[in-house]
Structure formats: structure tokens, C-alpha cells
């Protein structure tokens, strides 16, 4: 284990954070710093640390499957937000290793490191709406629903969630299940925005009724709210307060962002399936739409959730709906030269 950098924010509690170099994780790091915490971030030797550059974040190079590394990572910490994981992979085994094994290792390390003062410590897992499974605009997902994931990714996130059973650990555990995430530093919406600026957007398949959206900064706020709320336990959905977006509403928001009418172009799911199989599982796994899990997502009834429980328990309120959030993201893309 090697350590680099220093943390100049010496006043607050130290919080461990995995996945800090990624899109959502870097926003969580920013939110923790803004609230006065010291941040210790796990990294890999190959991690791109551009979103942490110049910030008072302690970075620690560790193997998240090593209990000893994780135990040292959690030394003198009072909480952990576990955001690291794999979203796109060619096999279920890779999802399991990255999303379940690492979570189990961190939990065991936390039980050892926080022994004796675990009642004040918190372990927050960043999961996904995929762990619940599909839900339509007409019947959004809520926390009391049974979970029926349909993808390898969703099954791995649900398996990780089950490890956080509150009765097993001497510290508080909470789970955040974001829906589709977007915002500054994210590249997955880049092609959607680029197409919208030309006046087009795709309607893929016939089954999906719509989806919920959450800006990355709002999801980061929700994660830190769960860390700080001593009564928050179990799973929580987060949304932007707009009850999801159907295809027409999404096209309208994209049109507002683009300053022009955006037309919906039907895209047959069969075409995506054929293309995915032709290019092979490993190449498809790197694609936003050709990954087989993503195709199964698009074949479902929708990905919509309600964040009422999160709002009631923590006071969370989203700052961005899609109109404000898309404008903010477009501004970032242009400043970075991505568009």
C-alpha cells in the first residue's frame, strides 16, 4: 500500500472513499470536502486522478480484495462511502469480483478496524436502481418493493447490498440506489447531447416507458446525507423530484438544452442485439448501448424510482431537474472541449 498527496483539511472527521477518481466518486469527494471532512481516497496504480488534482485529498493505493490493505485504508476513519465498482463487463464473474468481493472485503475490514466504536461509524454503499430491477413511469420503484434484477450488473449490486444486513455488523449501514446519472465529468451522455444538438434523439425499442435522472452533484449530496444521518439505514432511492421522464419529455428537455426541436428517431432493439453479437462480448461491454446488460435495460418497462424516503429521512432535495442539469452539463462539455 502506498500513499501520496496530503490533506490540508485537518479539522473534521476522516472519511474513506472508494471510486473517488470516477465521475460520481469525485463529486462525493468534493461534497465531503465542502462539509469539512478529511477525505482518504483509494486509488489504483492506473487511476486517472484529474478530478482530484489540487484538492486536499489523501490518496492511498490499495487492493480492494486484500483485507489487510482495506484494514489499513480504514485506519483512523469514522465512515466509508464505497463507490468503486464495475458498470460494464463482459462476464458475470467480473461483475461479482468488482462489486461483491470488494464490498465483502471492506465490510470485514471495517468490522475489525472500527471494533469498539462502530456505533458512531457508518458504511454507505453506492448501489443502483438496477439492483431493484425495472419499474415504469406509471409505477415507480420504492424501497418496499421486492427486488428482481434482470442483468448481471443488477444481480451483483443486489448481492453486495445483501452483505450490508444491519444485524450482521456493529456499525450503521445504508445503501444509495441512483437511477441514470449524468453531469459534469460524465461521458455517457456525451453522444446523446451531440445528437440532440443536431436535432435528433433515439427512441430505442417499444417497451420502455421512461427513466429517472439524477445529476451527479445531487447523487453525491444524497450519499453524504446518508453518511451524516444517524438514523438512516437500509436502501434508499434518489431522484430529481420530477417522477421520471418519458421519451417525449426527454426529447423536450433535450430540445430546451439544444435550443431547437429534437425529433425522436425509432431504433429497433433487434438491430442493437445483432450488432452486439457481431462485434463480440468484450468490445460490446465497453459500449453504452451495445453492452448486453444495457440492451436488457432498454427492453424493460422502464427505470423510474421515487426518492420520497430519502427526502423524509435526511431532508435531501435535488438542486437540478433535467432542464437545469442538462444545461449545466452542456456548459461543462463545451468548456472541456468535448463538444
Protein backbone atom coordinates (compact mmCIF):
# COMPACT_ATOMS: atom_id res chain seq x y z
CA UNK A 1 0.00 0.00 0.00
CA UNK A 2 1.41 3.37 -0.98
CA UNK A 3 0.21 6.80 -0.01
CA UNK A 4 0.50 10.01 -2.00
CA UNK A 5 -0.64 13.58 -1.53
CA UNK A 6 -1.68 15.31 1.66
CA UNK A 7 -4.86 16.55 3.23
CA UNK A 8 -4.87 20.17 4.31
CA UNK A 9 -8.38 19.96 5.76
CA UNK A 10 -7.29 18.80 9.22
CA UNK A 11 -10.30 19.80 11.26
CA UNK A 12 -13.05 17.28 10.54
CA UNK A 13 -13.53 13.52 10.78
CA UNK A 14 -11.70 11.37 8.25
CA UNK A 15 -13.95 9.57 5.75
CA UNK A 16 -12.72 6.78 3.49
CA UNK A 17 -13.94 6.87 -0.11
CA UNK A 18 -13.56 4.30 -2.87
CA UNK A 19 -14.09 5.17 -6.53
CA UNK A 20 -13.03 8.77 -5.90
CA UNK A 21 -11.35 9.17 -9.30
CA UNK A 22 -14.57 8.36 -11.16
CA UNK A 23 -17.49 10.55 -12.16
CA UNK A 24 -19.74 10.13 -9.11
CA UNK A 25 -16.91 9.40 -6.67
CA UNK A 26 -15.13 12.66 -7.50
CA UNK A 27 -18.33 14.61 -6.79
CA UNK A 28 -18.67 12.77 -3.48
CA UNK A 29 -15.10 13.79 -2.63
CA UNK A 30 -15.97 17.42 -3.41
CA UNK A 31 -19.09 17.27 -1.25
CA UNK A 32 -17.22 15.75 1.69
CA UNK A 33 -14.55 18.45 1.47
CA UNK A 34 -17.18 21.19 1.27
CA UNK A 35 -18.72 19.87 4.50
CA UNK A 36 -15.42 19.93 6.36
CA UNK A 37 -14.42 16.27 6.24
CA UNK A 38 -10.95 14.91 5.64
CA UNK A 39 -11.04 12.55 2.66
CA UNK A 40 -8.94 9.42 2.22
CA UNK A 41 -9.43 8.03 -1.27
CA UNK A 42 -8.47 4.59 -2.53
CA UNK A 43 -6.81 4.52 -5.93
CA UNK A 44 -5.17 2.03 -8.29
CA UNK A 45 -1.78 2.43 -9.93
CA UNK A 46 -3.58 3.14 -13.22
CA UNK A 47 -6.14 5.60 -11.83
CA UNK A 48 -6.57 8.91 -13.64
CA UNK A 49 -6.64 11.47 -10.82
CA UNK A 50 -7.55 14.53 -12.90
CA UNK A 51 -10.72 15.29 -10.90
CA UNK A 52 -8.78 15.17 -7.60
CA UNK A 53 -5.82 17.27 -8.76
CA UNK A 54 -5.02 20.20 -6.46
CA UNK A 55 -7.55 19.14 -3.83
CA UNK A 56 -6.72 18.24 -0.21
CA UNK A 57 -7.43 14.54 -0.66
CA UNK A 58 -5.21 11.81 0.78
CA UNK A 59 -4.81 9.10 -1.86
CA UNK A 60 -3.95 5.53 -0.94
CA UNK A 61 -3.04 2.87 -3.48
CA UNK A 62 -4.62 -0.41 -2.33
CA UNK A 63 -6.04 -3.70 -3.49
CA UNK A 64 -9.73 -3.72 -2.56
CA UNK A 65 -9.71 -7.52 -2.41
CA UNK A 66 -7.00 -7.51 0.29
CA UNK A 67 -8.36 -7.43 3.85
CA UNK A 68 -5.01 -6.17 5.16
CA UNK A 69 -4.92 -3.29 2.65
CA UNK A 70 -8.53 -2.40 3.43
CA UNK A 71 -7.90 -2.53 7.17
CA UNK A 72 -5.03 -0.05 6.83
CA UNK A 73 -7.14 2.07 4.47
CA UNK A 74 -9.82 2.37 7.18
CA UNK A 75 -7.35 3.17 9.99
CA UNK A 76 -8.45 6.27 11.94
CA UNK A 77 -11.60 6.74 9.84
CA UNK A 78 -15.14 7.24 11.08
CA UNK A 79 -17.00 6.25 7.93
CA UNK A 80 -16.77 4.86 4.43
CA UNK A 81 -18.60 5.61 1.19
CA UNK A 82 -18.00 2.67 -1.13
CA UNK A 83 -18.46 3.97 -4.67
CA UNK A 84 -15.97 1.80 -6.56
CA UNK A 85 -17.27 -0.90 -8.86
CA UNK A 86 -17.76 -2.09 -12.42
CA UNK A 87 -20.74 -0.95 -14.51
CA UNK A 88 -19.91 -2.61 -17.85
CA UNK A 89 -18.25 -6.03 -18.06
CA UNK A 90 -18.24 -8.98 -20.50
CA UNK A 91 -18.90 -11.65 -17.84
CA UNK A 92 -20.88 -12.08 -14.64
CA UNK A 93 -17.71 -13.21 -12.84
CA UNK A 94 -16.08 -9.82 -13.43
CA UNK A 95 -19.14 -8.03 -12.04
CA UNK A 96 -19.08 -10.31 -8.99
CA UNK A 97 -15.39 -9.78 -8.29
CA UNK A 98 -15.59 -6.00 -8.63
CA UNK A 99 -18.95 -5.36 -6.97
CA UNK A 100 -19.42 -8.15 -4.42
CA UNK A 101 -15.99 -9.41 -3.38
CA UNK A 102 -14.64 -5.91 -2.77
CA UNK A 103 -17.69 -4.98 -0.70
CA UNK A 104 -17.30 -8.11 1.42
CA UNK A 105 -13.62 -7.38 1.99
CA UNK A 106 -14.31 -3.79 3.04
CA UNK A 107 -17.06 -4.87 5.43
CA UNK A 108 -14.79 -7.38 7.15
CA UNK A 109 -12.03 -4.80 7.38
CA UNK A 110 -14.46 -2.24 8.82
CA UNK A 111 -15.65 -4.72 11.44
CA UNK A 112 -12.05 -5.20 12.55
CA UNK A 113 -10.92 -1.58 12.30
CA UNK A 114 -14.00 0.01 13.88
CA UNK A 115 -14.29 -2.53 16.72
CA UNK A 116 -15.23 -0.75 19.94
CA UNK A 117 -16.54 2.43 18.32
CA UNK A 118 -18.61 1.10 15.46
CA UNK A 119 -21.78 2.65 16.90
CA UNK A 120 -20.59 6.02 15.58
CA UNK A 121 -19.26 4.73 12.25
CA UNK A 122 -21.21 4.35 9.00
CA UNK A 123 -20.73 2.26 5.86
CA UNK A 124 -22.57 3.71 2.83
CA UNK A 125 -22.74 1.59 -0.32
CA UNK A 126 -23.40 3.18 -3.69
CA UNK A 127 -25.63 0.65 -5.40
CA UNK A 128 -28.04 1.16 -8.30
CA UNK A 129 -31.69 1.07 -9.34
CA UNK A 130 -30.52 -1.97 -11.34
CA UNK A 131 -30.39 -3.92 -8.05
CA UNK A 132 -34.16 -3.44 -7.76
CA UNK A 133 -34.96 -4.10 -11.39
CA UNK A 134 -37.21 -2.35 -13.90
CA UNK A 135 -40.04 -0.01 -12.90
CA UNK A 136 -42.33 2.02 -15.14
CA UNK A 137 -43.33 5.67 -15.16
CA UNK A 138 -46.79 4.55 -14.00
CA UNK A 139 -45.39 2.51 -11.09
CA UNK A 140 -42.00 3.84 -9.95
CA UNK A 141 -39.77 1.74 -7.71
CA UNK A 142 -39.97 2.26 -3.94
CA UNK A 143 -37.90 0.69 -1.19
CA UNK A 144 -40.59 -1.75 -0.04
CA UNK A 145 -40.76 -3.43 -3.46
CA UNK A 146 -39.27 -6.90 -3.93
CA UNK A 147 -36.04 -6.80 -5.93
CA UNK A 148 -35.98 -8.53 -9.32
CA UNK A 149 -32.79 -7.52 -11.14
CA UNK A 150 -32.64 -8.54 -14.80
CA UNK A 151 -28.94 -8.01 -15.57
CA UNK A 152 -25.63 -9.40 -14.38
CA UNK A 153 -24.75 -5.92 -13.13
CA UNK A 154 -28.02 -5.64 -11.19
CA UNK A 155 -27.60 -9.10 -9.65
CA UNK A 156 -24.08 -8.22 -8.48
CA UNK A 157 -25.26 -4.95 -6.89
CA UNK A 158 -28.12 -6.70 -5.10
CA UNK A 159 -25.70 -9.36 -3.80
CA UNK A 160 -23.48 -6.58 -2.45
CA UNK A 161 -26.50 -4.93 -0.81
CA UNK A 162 -27.39 -8.16 0.97
CA UNK A 163 -23.97 -8.19 2.61
CA UNK A 164 -24.93 -4.98 4.44
CA UNK A 165 -27.62 -6.64 6.56
CA UNK A 166 -27.78 -4.33 9.58
CA UNK A 167 -27.90 -7.23 12.05
CA UNK A 168 -24.51 -8.55 10.91
CA UNK A 169 -22.36 -5.52 11.63
CA UNK A 170 -21.51 -3.40 14.70
CA UNK A 171 -21.84 -0.21 12.66
CA UNK A 172 -24.61 1.51 10.69
CA UNK A 173 -25.08 0.56 7.04
CA UNK A 174 -27.01 2.44 4.35
CA UNK A 175 -27.42 1.97 0.61
CA UNK A 176 -27.98 4.56 -2.13
CA UNK A 177 -29.64 3.34 -5.33
CA UNK A 178 -29.25 6.02 -8.01
CA UNK A 179 -31.07 5.75 -11.36
CA UNK A 180 -29.44 7.07 -14.55
CA UNK A 181 -26.66 9.50 -13.62
CA UNK A 182 -25.35 12.38 -15.70
CA UNK A 183 -23.50 15.64 -15.22
CA UNK A 184 -20.09 17.29 -15.46
CA UNK A 185 -17.23 14.73 -15.75
CA UNK A 186 -19.55 12.04 -17.15
CA UNK A 187 -19.06 10.90 -20.74
CA UNK A 188 -22.00 8.51 -21.11
CA UNK A 189 -24.46 11.27 -22.06
CA UNK A 190 -22.00 12.86 -24.47
CA UNK A 191 -23.32 11.08 -27.59
CA UNK A 192 -26.92 11.82 -26.54
CA UNK A 193 -26.14 15.53 -26.25
CA UNK A 194 -24.18 15.58 -29.51
CA UNK A 195 -27.11 14.04 -31.38
CA UNK A 196 -29.60 16.41 -29.73
CA UNK A 197 -27.59 19.43 -30.86
CA UNK A 198 -28.19 18.16 -34.39
CA UNK A 199 -31.94 17.87 -33.74
CA UNK A 200 -32.25 14.15 -33.08
CA UNK A 201 -32.66 11.65 -30.28
CA UNK A 202 -33.31 7.92 -30.35
CA UNK A 203 -36.33 6.05 -29.05
CA UNK A 204 -34.98 2.54 -28.55
CA UNK A 205 -37.47 -0.31 -28.67
CA UNK A 206 -41.16 -0.19 -27.80
CA UNK A 207 -41.36 -1.37 -24.18
CA UNK A 208 -39.57 1.24 -22.11
CA UNK A 209 -41.88 3.93 -20.73
CA UNK A 210 -39.16 6.22 -19.36
CA UNK A 211 -36.47 6.73 -16.77
CA UNK A 212 -35.47 8.74 -13.74
CA UNK A 213 -32.44 11.01 -13.92
CA UNK A 214 -30.13 12.39 -11.23
CA UNK A 215 -27.36 14.94 -11.61
CA UNK A 216 -24.01 13.71 -10.27
CA UNK A 217 -23.73 16.51 -7.72
CA UNK A 218 -27.18 15.67 -6.35
CA UNK A 219 -26.32 11.98 -6.07
CA UNK A 220 -23.14 12.96 -4.21
CA UNK A 221 -25.17 15.12 -1.82
CA UNK A 222 -27.55 12.21 -1.19
CA UNK A 223 -24.63 9.88 -0.38
CA UNK A 224 -23.14 12.30 2.15
CA UNK A 225 -26.59 12.97 3.63
CA UNK A 226 -26.89 9.22 4.31
CA UNK A 227 -23.44 9.23 5.90
CA UNK A 228 -24.43 12.09 8.22
CA UNK A 229 -27.94 10.95 9.15
CA UNK A 230 -27.52 8.68 12.16
CA UNK A 231 -30.94 7.07 11.74
CA UNK A 232 -30.57 6.25 8.03
CA UNK A 233 -30.34 2.51 7.43
CA UNK A 234 -31.08 0.19 4.53
CA UNK A 235 -31.75 1.07 0.88
CA UNK A 236 -32.71 4.50 -0.45
CA UNK A 237 -33.66 5.61 -3.94
CA UNK A 238 -32.79 9.11 -5.13
CA UNK A 239 -34.50 11.10 -7.88
CA UNK A 240 -34.69 14.69 -9.09
CA UNK A 241 -38.26 15.22 -7.91
CA UNK A 242 -39.76 15.01 -11.41
CA UNK A 243 -41.34 11.50 -11.27
CA UNK A 244 -39.32 10.29 -14.25
CA UNK A 245 -39.19 11.28 -17.92
CA UNK A 246 -40.95 9.51 -20.76
CA UNK A 247 -39.46 9.65 -24.26
CA UNK A 248 -41.41 12.76 -25.25
CA UNK A 249 -40.47 14.61 -22.06
CA UNK A 250 -36.82 13.67 -22.54
CA UNK A 251 -36.89 14.95 -26.13
CA UNK A 252 -38.45 18.20 -24.92
CA UNK A 253 -35.73 18.71 -22.29
CA UNK A 254 -33.03 17.93 -24.83
CA UNK A 255 -34.64 20.45 -27.17
CA UNK A 256 -34.52 23.13 -24.47
CA UNK A 257 -30.86 22.37 -23.95
CA UNK A 258 -30.10 22.40 -27.68
CA UNK A 259 -32.23 25.45 -28.46
CA UNK A 260 -34.05 23.60 -31.23
CA UNK A 261 -36.68 20.97 -31.80
CA UNK A 262 -35.42 17.44 -31.14
CA UNK A 263 -37.14 14.66 -33.09
CA UNK A 264 -37.33 11.07 -31.84
CA UNK A 265 -35.85 8.52 -34.20
CA UNK A 266 -37.10 4.92 -33.62
CA UNK A 267 -34.22 2.47 -33.14
CA UNK A 268 -35.16 -1.26 -33.29
CA UNK A 269 -33.77 -3.25 -30.39
CA UNK A 270 -33.18 -6.15 -32.75
CA UNK A 271 -30.60 -4.08 -34.61
CA UNK A 272 -28.69 -3.43 -31.39
CA UNK A 273 -28.79 -7.12 -30.45
CA UNK A 274 -27.40 -8.20 -33.82
CA UNK A 275 -24.66 -5.56 -33.70
CA UNK A 276 -23.72 -6.52 -30.14
CA UNK A 277 -23.31 -10.16 -31.08
CA UNK A 278 -21.35 -9.33 -34.24
CA UNK A 279 -18.71 -7.21 -32.50
CA UNK A 280 -18.20 -9.66 -29.62
CA UNK A 281 -18.86 -9.51 -25.88
CA UNK A 282 -15.62 -7.77 -24.89
CA UNK A 283 -15.98 -4.92 -27.38
CA UNK A 284 -19.71 -4.64 -26.67
CA UNK A 285 -19.02 -4.43 -22.92
CA UNK A 286 -17.28 -1.09 -23.47
CA UNK A 287 -20.29 0.40 -25.28
CA UNK A 288 -23.03 2.41 -23.57
CA UNK A 289 -25.79 0.81 -25.70
CA UNK A 290 -24.28 -2.38 -27.13
CA UNK A 291 -23.37 -3.92 -23.78
CA UNK A 292 -25.79 -6.82 -23.33
CA UNK A 293 -26.88 -5.60 -19.90
CA UNK A 294 -27.76 -2.21 -21.40
CA UNK A 295 -29.79 -3.88 -24.13
CA UNK A 296 -31.76 -5.78 -21.47
CA UNK A 297 -32.27 -2.45 -19.67
CA UNK A 298 -33.73 -0.91 -22.83
CA UNK A 299 -36.00 -3.91 -23.39
CA UNK A 300 -37.67 -3.44 -19.99
CA UNK A 301 -40.71 -1.38 -18.98
CA UNK A 302 -38.53 1.47 -17.67
CA UNK A 303 -36.17 2.66 -14.94
CA UNK A 304 -38.10 5.01 -12.71
CA UNK A 305 -37.92 5.44 -8.93
CA UNK A 306 -39.20 7.70 -6.17
CA UNK A 307 -36.87 9.28 -3.60
CA UNK A 308 -39.55 10.12 -1.01
CA UNK A 309 -37.95 8.02 1.76
CA UNK A 310 -34.58 9.71 1.28
CA UNK A 311 -36.21 13.14 1.47
CA UNK A 312 -38.20 12.22 4.58
CA UNK A 313 -35.28 10.67 6.46
CA UNK A 314 -32.45 13.05 5.52
CA UNK A 315 -34.10 16.23 4.22
CA UNK A 316 -32.47 15.75 0.81
CA UNK A 317 -33.75 17.91 -2.03
CA UNK A 318 -32.35 17.77 -5.56
CA UNK A 319 -30.89 21.03 -6.86
CA UNK A 320 -31.13 20.03 -10.52
CA UNK A 321 -34.02 18.84 -12.63
CA UNK A 322 -33.16 17.72 -16.15
CA UNK A 323 -33.60 21.21 -17.61
CA UNK A 324 -31.08 22.83 -15.26
CA UNK A 325 -28.88 19.74 -15.13
CA UNK A 326 -28.58 19.31 -18.89
CA UNK A 327 -27.69 22.98 -19.31
CA UNK A 328 -25.02 22.65 -16.62
CA UNK A 329 -23.62 19.51 -18.25
CA UNK A 330 -23.59 21.01 -21.74
CA UNK A 331 -21.68 24.01 -20.40
CA UNK A 332 -19.08 21.64 -18.91
CA UNK A 333 -18.77 19.62 -22.12
CA UNK A 334 -18.12 22.77 -24.11
CA UNK A 335 -15.60 24.19 -21.63
CA UNK A 336 -13.69 20.89 -21.68
CA UNK A 337 -13.76 20.78 -25.46
CA UNK A 338 -15.74 17.53 -25.50
CA UNK A 339 -18.37 19.08 -27.78
